[in-house]
Amino acid sequence: MFTGLISETGRVARLRRTGPEGILAVACSAVLDGAQPGDSIAVDGACLTVSELSREGFTAFLSAETLDKTTLGDLRPGDEVNLEPSLRLSDRLGGHLVQGHVEGVGTVASLAPLGQGWRLAVDLPAGLEEAVIPKGSVALAGVSLTVAALSGQRVEVALIPGTLKSTTLGAWRPGRPVNVETDLIGRYVLAYLKGRGKGPGALTIEGLLEKGL
């Protein structure tokens, strides 16, 4: 489990593909503090298990599912990635609950100045917009962000200067693919309303709409 608050940006040292799978090596420092093989580290929002550690960074195995559902397979040596170690139960939850289970890849639609920061628009993969609400949370490339607006599959968020400096988002441009994970609580509520709330008196999306909710 993660919070979506990035600890540091690392750099891809190498990505070795072995058929449908791969091995990713990342150069970093801060997330290595206290880390052990078998620990979890989120790389651009995707939860990976550390297989090896060194003074320079770590390596992790990439399954076929990870390569299919995330942007990690397109990484090149030198690319920057957002890194976050897994959450300790004693840590502050400054962002929101993030599993590191990427649901799909969105696309940066636009970036516009907003005060000292940016207004970012991302087109979500079809279907994910159902679990996104204005003022709710969404993780983009592992970064916890508050939804400012939602129109169809396009979500907009405000990026403050601190986020632009401490993550890879400051280098984003239109057309960039982005790992997306919607809010964990929202996903469970949506799944219940879509099929798990059966029987008399069960909550349904249609019933809530009829009541004006």
N, C-alpha and C. Protein backbone atom coordinates (compact mmCIF):
# COMPACT_ATOMS: atom_id res chain seq x y z
N MET A 1 0.84 -1.19 0.00
CA MET A 1 0.00 0.00 0.00
C MET A 1 0.88 1.25 0.00
N PHE A 2 0.42 2.29 -0.70
CA PHE A 2 1.18 3.53 -0.83
C PHE A 2 0.26 4.72 -0.57
N THR A 3 0.84 5.93 -0.62
CA THR A 3 0.06 7.15 -0.39
C THR A 3 -0.01 8.06 -1.61
N GLY A 4 0.85 7.81 -2.60
CA GLY A 4 0.89 8.70 -3.75
C GLY A 4 1.75 9.93 -3.52
N LEU A 5 2.51 9.95 -2.42
CA LEU A 5 3.46 11.02 -2.16
C LEU A 5 4.85 10.52 -2.55
N ILE A 6 5.43 11.11 -3.57
CA ILE A 6 6.68 10.62 -4.15
C ILE A 6 7.86 10.95 -3.25
N SER A 7 8.70 9.93 -2.99
CA SER A 7 9.88 10.12 -2.14
C SER A 7 11.05 10.72 -2.91
N GLU A 8 11.18 10.29 -4.16
CA GLU A 8 12.25 10.81 -5.01
C GLU A 8 11.98 10.39 -6.45
N THR A 9 12.70 11.01 -7.37
CA THR A 9 12.69 10.54 -8.75
C THR A 9 14.00 9.79 -8.99
N GLY A 10 13.87 8.59 -9.53
CA GLY A 10 15.05 7.80 -9.87
C GLY A 10 15.26 7.81 -11.37
N ARG A 11 16.32 7.14 -11.81
CA ARG A 11 16.60 7.04 -13.24
C ARG A 11 16.73 5.57 -13.64
N VAL A 12 16.16 5.26 -14.78
CA VAL A 12 16.26 3.89 -15.29
C VAL A 12 17.70 3.62 -15.68
N ALA A 13 18.28 2.57 -15.09
CA ALA A 13 19.63 2.15 -15.45
C ALA A 13 19.59 1.22 -16.65
N ARG A 14 18.62 0.28 -16.61
CA ARG A 14 18.48 -0.63 -17.76
C ARG A 14 17.13 -1.34 -17.66
N LEU A 15 16.65 -1.77 -18.79
CA LEU A 15 15.45 -2.60 -18.88
C LEU A 15 15.77 -3.74 -19.83
N ARG A 16 15.79 -4.95 -19.29
CA ARG A 16 16.11 -6.13 -20.10
C ARG A 16 14.86 -6.95 -20.29
N ARG A 17 14.44 -7.08 -21.53
CA ARG A 17 13.25 -7.88 -21.85
C ARG A 17 13.65 -9.33 -22.04
N THR A 18 12.86 -10.22 -21.43
CA THR A 18 13.07 -11.66 -21.58
C THR A 18 11.76 -12.26 -22.05
N GLY A 19 11.50 -12.16 -23.36
CA GLY A 19 10.23 -12.59 -23.89
C GLY A 19 9.14 -11.66 -23.42
N PRO A 20 8.05 -12.20 -22.84
CA PRO A 20 6.95 -11.35 -22.39
C PRO A 20 7.20 -10.70 -21.03
N GLU A 21 8.35 -10.98 -20.41
CA GLU A 21 8.67 -10.45 -19.09
C GLU A 21 9.91 -9.57 -19.17
N GLY A 22 10.38 -9.10 -18.02
CA GLY A 22 11.56 -8.25 -18.05
C GLY A 22 12.14 -8.02 -16.66
N ILE A 23 13.32 -7.39 -16.66
CA ILE A 23 14.01 -7.00 -15.43
C ILE A 23 14.32 -5.51 -15.54
N LEU A 24 13.89 -4.74 -14.54
CA LEU A 24 14.10 -3.30 -14.53
C LEU A 24 15.09 -2.94 -13.43
N ALA A 25 16.09 -2.15 -13.77
CA ALA A 25 17.06 -1.64 -12.80
C ALA A 25 16.91 -0.13 -12.71
N VAL A 26 16.78 0.38 -11.48
CA VAL A 26 16.57 1.80 -11.24
C VAL A 26 17.66 2.34 -10.33
N ALA A 27 18.28 3.44 -10.73
CA ALA A 27 19.27 4.12 -9.90
C ALA A 27 18.54 5.12 -9.00
N CYS A 28 18.81 5.06 -7.70
CA CYS A 28 18.11 5.92 -6.74
C CYS A 28 18.87 5.91 -5.43
N SER A 29 18.33 6.63 -4.42
CA SER A 29 19.01 6.66 -3.13
C SER A 29 18.03 6.65 -1.96
N ALA A 30 17.09 7.59 -1.92
CA ALA A 30 16.23 7.76 -0.76
C ALA A 30 15.40 6.53 -0.45
N VAL A 31 14.83 5.88 -1.45
CA VAL A 31 13.95 4.72 -1.20
C VAL A 31 14.73 3.49 -0.77
N LEU A 32 16.07 3.55 -0.83
CA LEU A 32 16.88 2.42 -0.41
C LEU A 32 17.04 2.36 1.10
N ASP A 33 16.74 3.46 1.80
CA ASP A 33 16.91 3.51 3.24
C ASP A 33 16.02 2.48 3.93
N GLY A 34 16.62 1.49 4.54
CA GLY A 34 15.88 0.45 5.23
C GLY A 34 15.27 -0.61 4.33
N ALA A 35 15.49 -0.51 3.03
CA ALA A 35 14.87 -1.46 2.09
C ALA A 35 15.56 -2.81 2.15
N GLN A 36 14.78 -3.86 1.87
CA GLN A 36 15.28 -5.22 1.84
C GLN A 36 14.72 -5.92 0.59
N PRO A 37 15.42 -6.93 0.07
CA PRO A 37 14.83 -7.72 -1.02
C PRO A 37 13.47 -8.27 -0.59
N GLY A 38 12.50 -8.19 -1.47
CA GLY A 38 11.14 -8.60 -1.16
C GLY A 38 10.23 -7.45 -0.79
N ASP A 39 10.83 -6.27 -0.51
CA ASP A 39 10.01 -5.09 -0.22
C ASP A 39 9.34 -4.58 -1.49
N SER A 40 8.33 -3.74 -1.30
CA SER A 40 7.61 -3.15 -2.44
C SER A 40 8.02 -1.70 -2.63
N ILE A 41 8.24 -1.33 -3.88
CA ILE A 41 8.50 0.05 -4.26
C ILE A 41 7.64 0.36 -5.48
N ALA A 42 6.92 1.48 -5.43
CA ALA A 42 6.10 1.89 -6.57
C ALA A 42 6.96 2.67 -7.55
N VAL A 43 6.95 2.24 -8.80
CA VAL A 43 7.69 2.90 -9.88
C VAL A 43 6.68 3.47 -10.86
N ASP A 44 6.57 4.78 -10.91
CA ASP A 44 5.54 5.45 -11.71
C ASP A 44 4.15 4.88 -11.42
N GLY A 45 3.94 4.55 -10.14
CA GLY A 45 2.62 4.09 -9.72
C GLY A 45 2.39 2.60 -9.77
N ALA A 46 3.36 1.84 -10.30
CA ALA A 46 3.22 0.39 -10.38
C ALA A 46 4.01 -0.27 -9.25
N CYS A 47 3.33 -1.06 -8.44
CA CYS A 47 3.97 -1.74 -7.32
C CYS A 47 4.88 -2.85 -7.83
N LEU A 48 6.18 -2.74 -7.51
CA LEU A 48 7.15 -3.76 -7.90
C LEU A 48 7.81 -4.34 -6.66
N THR A 49 8.23 -5.59 -6.74
CA THR A 49 8.92 -6.26 -5.65
C THR A 49 10.42 -6.22 -5.89
N VAL A 50 11.15 -5.70 -4.92
CA VAL A 50 12.60 -5.59 -5.05
C VAL A 50 13.22 -6.98 -5.07
N SER A 51 13.99 -7.27 -6.12
CA SER A 51 14.67 -8.57 -6.20
C SER A 51 16.12 -8.45 -5.75
N GLU A 52 16.78 -7.34 -6.08
CA GLU A 52 18.17 -7.13 -5.67
C GLU A 52 18.37 -5.67 -5.29
N LEU A 53 19.29 -5.45 -4.34
CA LEU A 53 19.64 -4.11 -3.90
C LEU A 53 21.14 -3.89 -4.04
N SER A 54 21.51 -2.64 -4.31
CA SER A 54 22.92 -2.26 -4.32
C SER A 54 23.02 -0.83 -3.80
N ARG A 55 24.21 -0.30 -3.70
CA ARG A 55 24.38 1.08 -3.27
C ARG A 55 23.80 2.07 -4.28
N GLU A 56 23.72 1.63 -5.52
CA GLU A 56 23.29 2.52 -6.59
C GLU A 56 21.78 2.47 -6.85
N GLY A 57 21.09 1.39 -6.40
CA GLY A 57 19.66 1.30 -6.69
C GLY A 57 19.13 -0.10 -6.46
N PHE A 58 18.13 -0.48 -7.24
CA PHE A 58 17.50 -1.79 -7.07
C PHE A 58 17.06 -2.34 -8.43
N THR A 59 16.80 -3.64 -8.44
CA THR A 59 16.23 -4.26 -9.62
C THR A 59 14.92 -4.94 -9.23
N ALA A 60 14.03 -5.06 -10.19
CA ALA A 60 12.73 -5.68 -9.95
C ALA A 60 12.29 -6.44 -11.19
N PHE A 61 11.59 -7.52 -10.97
CA PHE A 61 11.04 -8.34 -12.05
C PHE A 61 9.76 -7.71 -12.57
N LEU A 62 9.59 -7.70 -13.88
CA LEU A 62 8.38 -7.18 -14.51
C LEU A 62 7.64 -8.34 -15.15
N SER A 63 6.45 -8.62 -14.64
CA SER A 63 5.65 -9.70 -15.20
C SER A 63 5.03 -9.27 -16.52
N ALA A 64 4.49 -10.23 -17.24
CA ALA A 64 3.82 -9.92 -18.50
C ALA A 64 2.63 -9.00 -18.26
N GLU A 65 1.91 -9.21 -17.14
CA GLU A 65 0.77 -8.36 -16.81
C GLU A 65 1.21 -6.92 -16.57
N THR A 66 2.32 -6.74 -15.85
CA THR A 66 2.84 -5.39 -15.60
C THR A 66 3.22 -4.70 -16.90
N LEU A 67 3.89 -5.42 -17.77
CA LEU A 67 4.31 -4.83 -19.05
C LEU A 67 3.11 -4.52 -19.94
N ASP A 68 2.04 -5.31 -19.81
CA ASP A 68 0.85 -5.11 -20.63
C ASP A 68 -0.01 -3.96 -20.14
N LYS A 69 -0.08 -3.75 -18.82
CA LYS A 69 -1.02 -2.79 -18.25
C LYS A 69 -0.41 -1.45 -17.86
N THR A 70 0.93 -1.30 -17.98
CA THR A 70 1.59 -0.07 -17.53
C THR A 70 2.51 0.48 -18.62
N THR A 71 3.12 1.60 -18.30
CA THR A 71 4.07 2.24 -19.21
C THR A 71 5.50 1.74 -19.03
N LEU A 72 5.72 0.84 -18.07
CA LEU A 72 7.10 0.47 -17.72
C LEU A 72 7.85 -0.19 -18.87
N GLY A 73 7.15 -0.89 -19.73
CA GLY A 73 7.82 -1.54 -20.84
C GLY A 73 8.40 -0.59 -21.86
N ASP A 74 7.97 0.68 -21.83
CA ASP A 74 8.47 1.68 -22.78
C ASP A 74 9.62 2.51 -22.21
N LEU A 75 10.05 2.21 -20.99
CA LEU A 75 11.12 2.98 -20.37
C LEU A 75 12.45 2.74 -21.09
N ARG A 76 13.29 3.77 -21.06
CA ARG A 76 14.62 3.69 -21.66
C ARG A 76 15.65 4.14 -20.63
N PRO A 77 16.89 3.67 -20.75
CA PRO A 77 17.94 4.12 -19.83
C PRO A 77 18.01 5.65 -19.79
N GLY A 78 18.05 6.18 -18.57
CA GLY A 78 18.10 7.63 -18.39
C GLY A 78 16.76 8.26 -18.10
N ASP A 79 15.65 7.54 -18.41
CA ASP A 79 14.32 8.08 -18.11
C ASP A 79 14.14 8.24 -16.61
N GLU A 80 13.48 9.33 -16.22
CA GLU A 80 13.16 9.56 -14.81
C GLU A 80 11.85 8.88 -14.45
N VAL A 81 11.78 8.34 -13.24
CA VAL A 81 10.57 7.68 -12.77
C VAL A 81 10.27 8.11 -11.34
N ASN A 82 8.98 8.18 -11.01
CA ASN A 82 8.55 8.51 -9.66
C ASN A 82 8.67 7.27 -8.77
N LEU A 83 9.24 7.45 -7.58
CA LEU A 83 9.47 6.32 -6.67
C LEU A 83 8.84 6.59 -5.31
N GLU A 84 8.22 5.55 -4.75
CA GLU A 84 7.68 5.63 -3.40
C GLU A 84 7.79 4.27 -2.73
N PRO A 85 8.39 4.20 -1.52
CA PRO A 85 8.40 2.94 -0.79
C PRO A 85 7.03 2.65 -0.22
N SER A 86 6.78 1.40 0.14
CA SER A 86 5.47 1.04 0.67
C SER A 86 5.21 1.73 2.01
N LEU A 87 3.94 1.90 2.31
CA LEU A 87 3.48 2.63 3.50
C LEU A 87 3.66 1.79 4.75
N ARG A 88 4.23 2.40 5.80
CA ARG A 88 4.24 1.78 7.13
C ARG A 88 2.97 2.18 7.85
N LEU A 89 2.46 1.31 8.73
CA LEU A 89 1.22 1.62 9.45
C LEU A 89 1.38 2.82 10.37
N SER A 90 2.62 3.16 10.71
CA SER A 90 2.86 4.32 11.58
C SER A 90 3.05 5.61 10.80
N ASP A 91 3.07 5.54 9.45
CA ASP A 91 3.29 6.73 8.63
C ASP A 91 2.04 7.60 8.55
N ARG A 92 2.25 8.88 8.27
CA ARG A 92 1.14 9.77 8.00
C ARG A 92 0.58 9.49 6.60
N LEU A 93 -0.73 9.53 6.49
CA LEU A 93 -1.38 9.33 5.19
C LEU A 93 -1.64 10.69 4.58
N GLY A 94 -0.60 11.27 3.98
CA GLY A 94 -0.71 12.62 3.46
C GLY A 94 -1.38 12.69 2.10
N GLY A 95 -1.39 11.58 1.35
CA GLY A 95 -2.04 11.56 0.05
C GLY A 95 -3.36 10.83 0.15
N HIS A 96 -3.50 9.70 -0.55
CA HIS A 96 -4.67 8.84 -0.39
C HIS A 96 -4.21 7.39 -0.52
N LEU A 97 -5.08 6.45 -0.22
CA LEU A 97 -4.70 5.05 -0.28
C LEU A 97 -4.50 4.61 -1.74
N VAL A 98 -3.29 4.21 -2.04
CA VAL A 98 -2.92 3.79 -3.39
C VAL A 98 -2.37 2.37 -3.31
N GLN A 99 -2.89 1.48 -4.12
CA GLN A 99 -2.44 0.09 -4.09
C GLN A 99 -1.19 -0.16 -4.94
N GLY A 100 -0.96 0.69 -5.92
CA GLY A 100 0.11 0.41 -6.86
C GLY A 100 -0.32 -0.58 -7.92
N HIS A 101 -1.64 -0.76 -8.05
CA HIS A 101 -2.21 -1.64 -9.08
C HIS A 101 -2.75 -0.77 -10.21
N VAL A 102 -1.92 -0.56 -11.21
CA VAL A 102 -2.29 0.31 -12.33
C VAL A 102 -3.46 -0.31 -13.09
N GLU A 103 -4.49 0.49 -13.33
CA GLU A 103 -5.70 -0.01 -14.00
C GLU A 103 -5.65 0.19 -15.51
N GLY A 104 -4.84 1.11 -15.96
CA GLY A 104 -4.74 1.37 -17.38
C GLY A 104 -3.82 2.54 -17.64
N VAL A 105 -3.61 2.82 -18.91
CA VAL A 105 -2.71 3.90 -19.32
C VAL A 105 -3.51 5.01 -19.98
N GLY A 106 -3.42 6.21 -19.41
CA GLY A 106 -4.06 7.38 -19.98
C GLY A 106 -3.08 8.17 -20.83
N THR A 107 -3.54 9.31 -21.36
CA THR A 107 -2.70 10.14 -22.23
C THR A 107 -2.82 11.60 -21.82
N VAL A 108 -1.69 12.26 -21.67
CA VAL A 108 -1.71 13.70 -21.36
C VAL A 108 -2.35 14.44 -22.54
N ALA A 109 -3.43 15.18 -22.24
CA ALA A 109 -4.14 15.92 -23.29
C ALA A 109 -3.63 17.35 -23.40
N SER A 110 -3.42 18.01 -22.26
CA SER A 110 -2.98 19.40 -22.31
C SER A 110 -2.37 19.83 -20.99
N LEU A 111 -1.58 20.88 -21.06
CA LEU A 111 -0.98 21.51 -19.89
C LEU A 111 -1.10 23.01 -20.08
N ALA A 112 -1.59 23.70 -19.04
CA ALA A 112 -1.77 25.14 -19.15
C ALA A 112 -1.33 25.79 -17.85
N PRO A 113 -0.68 26.97 -17.92
CA PRO A 113 -0.26 27.65 -16.69
C PRO A 113 -1.47 27.97 -15.81
N LEU A 114 -1.28 27.83 -14.51
CA LEU A 114 -2.33 28.14 -13.53
C LEU A 114 -1.63 28.73 -12.31
N GLY A 115 -1.62 30.05 -12.21
CA GLY A 115 -0.87 30.70 -11.14
C GLY A 115 0.60 30.34 -11.26
N GLN A 116 1.17 29.80 -10.18
CA GLN A 116 2.56 29.37 -10.21
C GLN A 116 2.70 27.90 -10.62
N GLY A 117 1.57 27.24 -10.87
CA GLY A 117 1.60 25.84 -11.25
C GLY A 117 1.02 25.60 -12.63
N TRP A 118 0.45 24.42 -12.82
CA TRP A 118 -0.14 24.03 -14.09
C TRP A 118 -1.53 23.46 -13.87
N ARG A 119 -2.32 23.51 -14.92
CA ARG A 119 -3.57 22.76 -15.00
C ARG A 119 -3.32 21.64 -15.99
N LEU A 120 -3.45 20.41 -15.52
CA LEU A 120 -3.15 19.23 -16.33
C LEU A 120 -4.43 18.51 -16.68
N ALA A 121 -4.59 18.14 -17.95
CA ALA A 121 -5.73 17.34 -18.40
C ALA A 121 -5.21 16.02 -18.95
N VAL A 122 -5.83 14.93 -18.51
CA VAL A 122 -5.44 13.59 -18.95
C VAL A 122 -6.68 12.83 -19.43
N ASP A 123 -6.58 12.21 -20.58
CA ASP A 123 -7.66 11.36 -21.09
C ASP A 123 -7.49 9.96 -20.51
N LEU A 124 -8.50 9.52 -19.77
CA LEU A 124 -8.45 8.23 -19.09
C LEU A 124 -8.80 7.09 -20.03
N PRO A 125 -8.34 5.88 -19.73
CA PRO A 125 -8.80 4.72 -20.49
C PRO A 125 -10.31 4.55 -20.30
N ALA A 126 -10.98 4.04 -21.30
CA ALA A 126 -12.43 3.88 -21.24
C ALA A 126 -12.85 3.08 -20.02
N GLY A 127 -13.84 3.57 -19.31
CA GLY A 127 -14.40 2.89 -18.16
C GLY A 127 -13.88 3.38 -16.82
N LEU A 128 -12.66 3.91 -16.78
CA LEU A 128 -12.11 4.36 -15.51
C LEU A 128 -12.77 5.63 -14.99
N GLU A 129 -13.37 6.39 -15.89
CA GLU A 129 -14.01 7.65 -15.46
C GLU A 129 -15.16 7.40 -14.50
N GLU A 130 -15.71 6.18 -14.50
CA GLU A 130 -16.83 5.87 -13.61
C GLU A 130 -16.42 5.93 -12.14
N ALA A 131 -15.14 5.68 -11.86
CA ALA A 131 -14.65 5.66 -10.48
C ALA A 131 -13.99 6.98 -10.08
N VAL A 132 -14.13 8.01 -10.91
CA VAL A 132 -13.51 9.31 -10.64
C VAL A 132 -14.60 10.34 -10.40
N ILE A 133 -14.44 11.15 -9.35
CA ILE A 133 -15.40 12.22 -9.06
C ILE A 133 -14.65 13.51 -8.78
N PRO A 134 -15.25 14.68 -9.09
CA PRO A 134 -14.62 15.96 -8.75
C PRO A 134 -14.35 16.04 -7.26
N LYS A 135 -13.17 16.54 -6.91
CA LYS A 135 -12.67 16.67 -5.54
C LYS A 135 -12.28 15.31 -4.93
N GLY A 136 -12.40 14.25 -5.72
CA GLY A 136 -11.91 12.95 -5.28
C GLY A 136 -10.43 12.84 -5.60
N SER A 137 -9.89 11.63 -5.48
CA SER A 137 -8.46 11.41 -5.69
C SER A 137 -8.21 10.50 -6.88
N VAL A 138 -7.08 10.74 -7.54
CA VAL A 138 -6.63 9.87 -8.62
C VAL A 138 -5.11 9.86 -8.57
N ALA A 139 -4.51 8.72 -8.88
CA ALA A 139 -3.06 8.61 -8.93
C ALA A 139 -2.62 8.56 -10.39
N LEU A 140 -1.79 9.52 -10.78
CA LEU A 140 -1.24 9.58 -12.13
C LEU A 140 0.27 9.37 -12.04
N ALA A 141 0.77 8.30 -12.65
CA ALA A 141 2.18 7.93 -12.55
C ALA A 141 2.61 7.85 -11.09
N GLY A 142 1.68 7.40 -10.24
CA GLY A 142 1.99 7.22 -8.83
C GLY A 142 1.83 8.44 -7.97
N VAL A 143 1.44 9.58 -8.55
CA VAL A 143 1.32 10.83 -7.81
C VAL A 143 -0.14 11.04 -7.38
N SER A 144 -0.37 11.22 -6.09
CA SER A 144 -1.71 11.47 -5.58
C SER A 144 -2.15 12.88 -5.94
N LEU A 145 -3.28 12.99 -6.65
CA LEU A 145 -3.77 14.29 -7.11
C LEU A 145 -5.26 14.40 -6.85
N THR A 146 -5.72 15.64 -6.65
CA THR A 146 -7.14 15.90 -6.42
C THR A 146 -7.80 16.28 -7.74
N VAL A 147 -8.92 15.65 -8.02
CA VAL A 147 -9.64 15.89 -9.27
C VAL A 147 -10.30 17.26 -9.22
N ALA A 148 -9.93 18.13 -10.15
CA ALA A 148 -10.53 19.47 -10.22
C ALA A 148 -11.77 19.47 -11.10
N ALA A 149 -11.76 18.66 -12.15
CA ALA A 149 -12.91 18.60 -13.07
C ALA A 149 -12.87 17.28 -13.82
N LEU A 150 -14.06 16.85 -14.23
CA LEU A 150 -14.19 15.62 -15.01
C LEU A 150 -15.23 15.84 -16.09
N SER A 151 -14.83 15.59 -17.35
CA SER A 151 -15.74 15.72 -18.48
C SER A 151 -15.54 14.51 -19.38
N GLY A 152 -16.51 13.59 -19.34
CA GLY A 152 -16.35 12.35 -20.10
C GLY A 152 -15.17 11.58 -19.56
N GLN A 153 -14.24 11.23 -20.42
CA GLN A 153 -13.05 10.49 -20.00
C GLN A 153 -11.88 11.42 -19.67
N ARG A 154 -12.10 12.73 -19.74
CA ARG A 154 -11.00 13.68 -19.47
C ARG A 154 -11.05 14.18 -18.04
N VAL A 155 -9.97 13.97 -17.31
CA VAL A 155 -9.86 14.44 -15.94
C VAL A 155 -8.85 15.60 -15.89
N GLU A 156 -9.16 16.60 -15.07
CA GLU A 156 -8.26 17.74 -14.91
C GLU A 156 -7.84 17.85 -13.46
N VAL A 157 -6.55 18.17 -13.26
CA VAL A 157 -6.00 18.35 -11.92
C VAL A 157 -5.12 19.59 -11.92
N ALA A 158 -4.94 20.18 -10.74
CA ALA A 158 -4.05 21.32 -10.57
C ALA A 158 -2.73 20.82 -10.00
N LEU A 159 -1.63 21.26 -10.58
CA LEU A 159 -0.30 20.86 -10.13
C LEU A 159 0.38 22.06 -9.47
N ILE A 160 0.70 21.91 -8.18
CA ILE A 160 1.36 22.99 -7.46
C ILE A 160 2.86 22.94 -7.74
N PRO A 161 3.58 24.04 -7.48
CA PRO A 161 5.03 24.06 -7.75
C PRO A 161 5.79 22.93 -7.07
N GLY A 162 5.41 22.57 -5.84
CA GLY A 162 6.10 21.51 -5.14
C GLY A 162 6.01 20.18 -5.85
N THR A 163 4.83 19.89 -6.40
CA THR A 163 4.65 18.64 -7.16
C THR A 163 5.48 18.64 -8.43
N LEU A 164 5.53 19.77 -9.10
CA LEU A 164 6.30 19.87 -10.34
C LEU A 164 7.79 19.67 -10.10
N LYS A 165 8.28 20.11 -8.92
CA LYS A 165 9.70 19.99 -8.62
C LYS A 165 10.09 18.60 -8.12
N SER A 166 9.19 17.95 -7.39
CA SER A 166 9.56 16.70 -6.72
C SER A 166 9.14 15.44 -7.47
N THR A 167 8.51 15.59 -8.62
CA THR A 167 8.07 14.45 -9.43
C THR A 167 8.49 14.65 -10.88
N THR A 168 8.15 13.70 -11.72
CA THR A 168 8.46 13.82 -13.15
C THR A 168 7.46 14.69 -13.89
N LEU A 169 6.39 15.13 -13.22
CA LEU A 169 5.30 15.81 -13.91
C LEU A 169 5.73 17.12 -14.56
N GLY A 170 6.78 17.75 -14.04
CA GLY A 170 7.25 19.00 -14.61
C GLY A 170 7.79 18.86 -16.02
N ALA A 171 8.12 17.63 -16.43
CA ALA A 171 8.66 17.38 -17.77
C ALA A 171 7.63 16.81 -18.72
N TRP A 172 6.38 16.66 -18.26
CA TRP A 172 5.35 16.06 -19.11
C TRP A 172 4.97 16.97 -20.27
N ARG A 173 4.56 16.35 -21.36
CA ARG A 173 4.10 17.06 -22.55
C ARG A 173 2.87 16.33 -23.11
N PRO A 174 2.01 17.01 -23.88
CA PRO A 174 0.85 16.35 -24.48
C PRO A 174 1.26 15.11 -25.27
N GLY A 175 0.46 14.07 -25.14
CA GLY A 175 0.73 12.82 -25.82
C GLY A 175 1.45 11.79 -24.98
N ARG A 176 1.96 12.19 -23.84
CA ARG A 176 2.70 11.27 -22.98
C ARG A 176 1.75 10.23 -22.37
N PRO A 177 2.11 8.95 -22.40
CA PRO A 177 1.29 7.93 -21.73
C PRO A 177 1.52 7.98 -20.22
N VAL A 178 0.47 7.74 -19.45
CA VAL A 178 0.51 7.90 -17.99
C VAL A 178 -0.22 6.74 -17.32
N ASN A 179 0.43 6.12 -16.32
CA ASN A 179 -0.23 5.09 -15.52
C ASN A 179 -1.33 5.72 -14.67
N VAL A 180 -2.49 5.06 -14.64
CA VAL A 180 -3.64 5.59 -13.91
C VAL A 180 -4.15 4.56 -12.90
N GLU A 181 -4.38 5.04 -11.68
CA GLU A 181 -5.07 4.23 -10.67
C GLU A 181 -6.13 5.10 -10.00
N THR A 182 -7.38 4.69 -10.07
CA THR A 182 -8.45 5.45 -9.45
C THR A 182 -8.49 5.17 -7.95
N ASP A 183 -9.33 5.93 -7.24
CA ASP A 183 -9.40 5.82 -5.79
C ASP A 183 -9.90 4.45 -5.35
N LEU A 184 -9.18 3.86 -4.39
CA LEU A 184 -9.50 2.51 -3.92
C LEU A 184 -10.92 2.41 -3.38
N ILE A 185 -11.30 3.36 -2.53
CA ILE A 185 -12.64 3.32 -1.93
C ILE A 185 -13.72 3.47 -3.00
N GLY A 186 -13.48 4.37 -3.94
CA GLY A 186 -14.44 4.56 -5.03
C GLY A 186 -14.63 3.31 -5.85
N ARG A 187 -13.55 2.57 -6.08
CA ARG A 187 -13.65 1.34 -6.87
C ARG A 187 -14.51 0.30 -6.17
N TYR A 188 -14.35 0.18 -4.87
CA TYR A 188 -15.14 -0.81 -4.12
C TYR A 188 -16.61 -0.43 -4.09
N VAL A 189 -16.88 0.86 -3.90
CA VAL A 189 -18.28 1.31 -3.89
C VAL A 189 -18.91 1.07 -5.26
N LEU A 190 -18.18 1.39 -6.32
CA LEU A 190 -18.70 1.20 -7.67
C LEU A 190 -18.95 -0.28 -7.96
N ALA A 191 -18.03 -1.15 -7.54
CA ALA A 191 -18.21 -2.58 -7.77
C ALA A 191 -19.45 -3.09 -7.05
N TYR A 192 -19.68 -2.59 -5.84
CA TYR A 192 -20.87 -3.01 -5.08
C TYR A 192 -22.14 -2.58 -5.79
N LEU A 193 -22.16 -1.31 -6.22
CA LEU A 193 -23.36 -0.78 -6.87
C LEU A 193 -23.62 -1.46 -8.21
N LYS A 194 -22.56 -1.93 -8.86
CA LYS A 194 -22.73 -2.52 -10.19
C LYS A 194 -23.20 -3.97 -10.15
N GLY A 195 -22.97 -4.65 -9.04
CA GLY A 195 -23.38 -6.05 -9.09
C GLY A 195 -23.44 -6.76 -7.77
N ARG A 196 -22.81 -6.21 -6.77
CA ARG A 196 -22.77 -6.91 -5.49
C ARG A 196 -23.90 -6.51 -4.57
N GLY A 197 -24.60 -5.43 -4.91
CA GLY A 197 -25.71 -5.01 -4.07
C GLY A 197 -27.02 -5.54 -4.61
N LYS A 198 -27.23 -6.84 -4.49
CA LYS A 198 -28.44 -7.49 -4.99
C LYS A 198 -29.48 -7.61 -3.88
N GLY A 199 -30.70 -7.81 -4.29
CA GLY A 199 -31.75 -8.08 -3.30
C GLY A 199 -32.59 -6.85 -3.01
N PRO A 200 -33.73 -7.04 -2.31
CA PRO A 200 -34.64 -5.95 -1.98
C PRO A 200 -33.94 -4.88 -1.14
N GLY A 201 -34.15 -3.64 -1.54
CA GLY A 201 -33.59 -2.53 -0.79
C GLY A 201 -32.13 -2.25 -1.04
N ALA A 202 -31.51 -3.01 -1.95
CA ALA A 202 -30.08 -2.80 -2.22
C ALA A 202 -29.86 -1.47 -2.92
N LEU A 203 -28.73 -0.84 -2.62
CA LEU A 203 -28.38 0.40 -3.30
C LEU A 203 -27.99 0.10 -4.74
N THR A 204 -28.45 0.93 -5.66
CA THR A 204 -28.07 0.82 -7.06
C THR A 204 -27.76 2.21 -7.59
N ILE A 205 -26.98 2.26 -8.67
CA ILE A 205 -26.69 3.54 -9.30
C ILE A 205 -27.97 4.21 -9.76
N GLU A 206 -28.87 3.41 -10.33
CA GLU A 206 -30.13 3.98 -10.83
C GLU A 206 -30.97 4.55 -9.68
N GLY A 207 -31.01 3.80 -8.56
CA GLY A 207 -31.77 4.25 -7.42
C GLY A 207 -31.25 5.55 -6.84
N LEU A 208 -29.92 5.68 -6.80
CA LEU A 208 -29.33 6.91 -6.29
C LEU A 208 -29.63 8.09 -7.21
N LEU A 209 -29.59 7.82 -8.53
CA LEU A 209 -29.92 8.89 -9.48
C LEU A 209 -31.35 9.34 -9.35
N GLU A 210 -32.26 8.39 -9.14
CA GLU A 210 -33.67 8.75 -8.97
C GLU A 210 -33.90 9.63 -7.75
N LYS A 211 -33.05 9.46 -6.73
CA LYS A 211 -33.18 10.26 -5.52
C LYS A 211 -32.42 11.58 -5.62
N GLY A 212 -31.84 11.82 -6.80
CA GLY A 212 -31.12 13.08 -7.02
C GLY A 212 -29.72 13.09 -6.46
N LEU A 213 -29.14 11.92 -6.16
CA LEU A 213 -27.81 11.84 -5.58
C LEU A 213 -26.76 11.62 -6.66
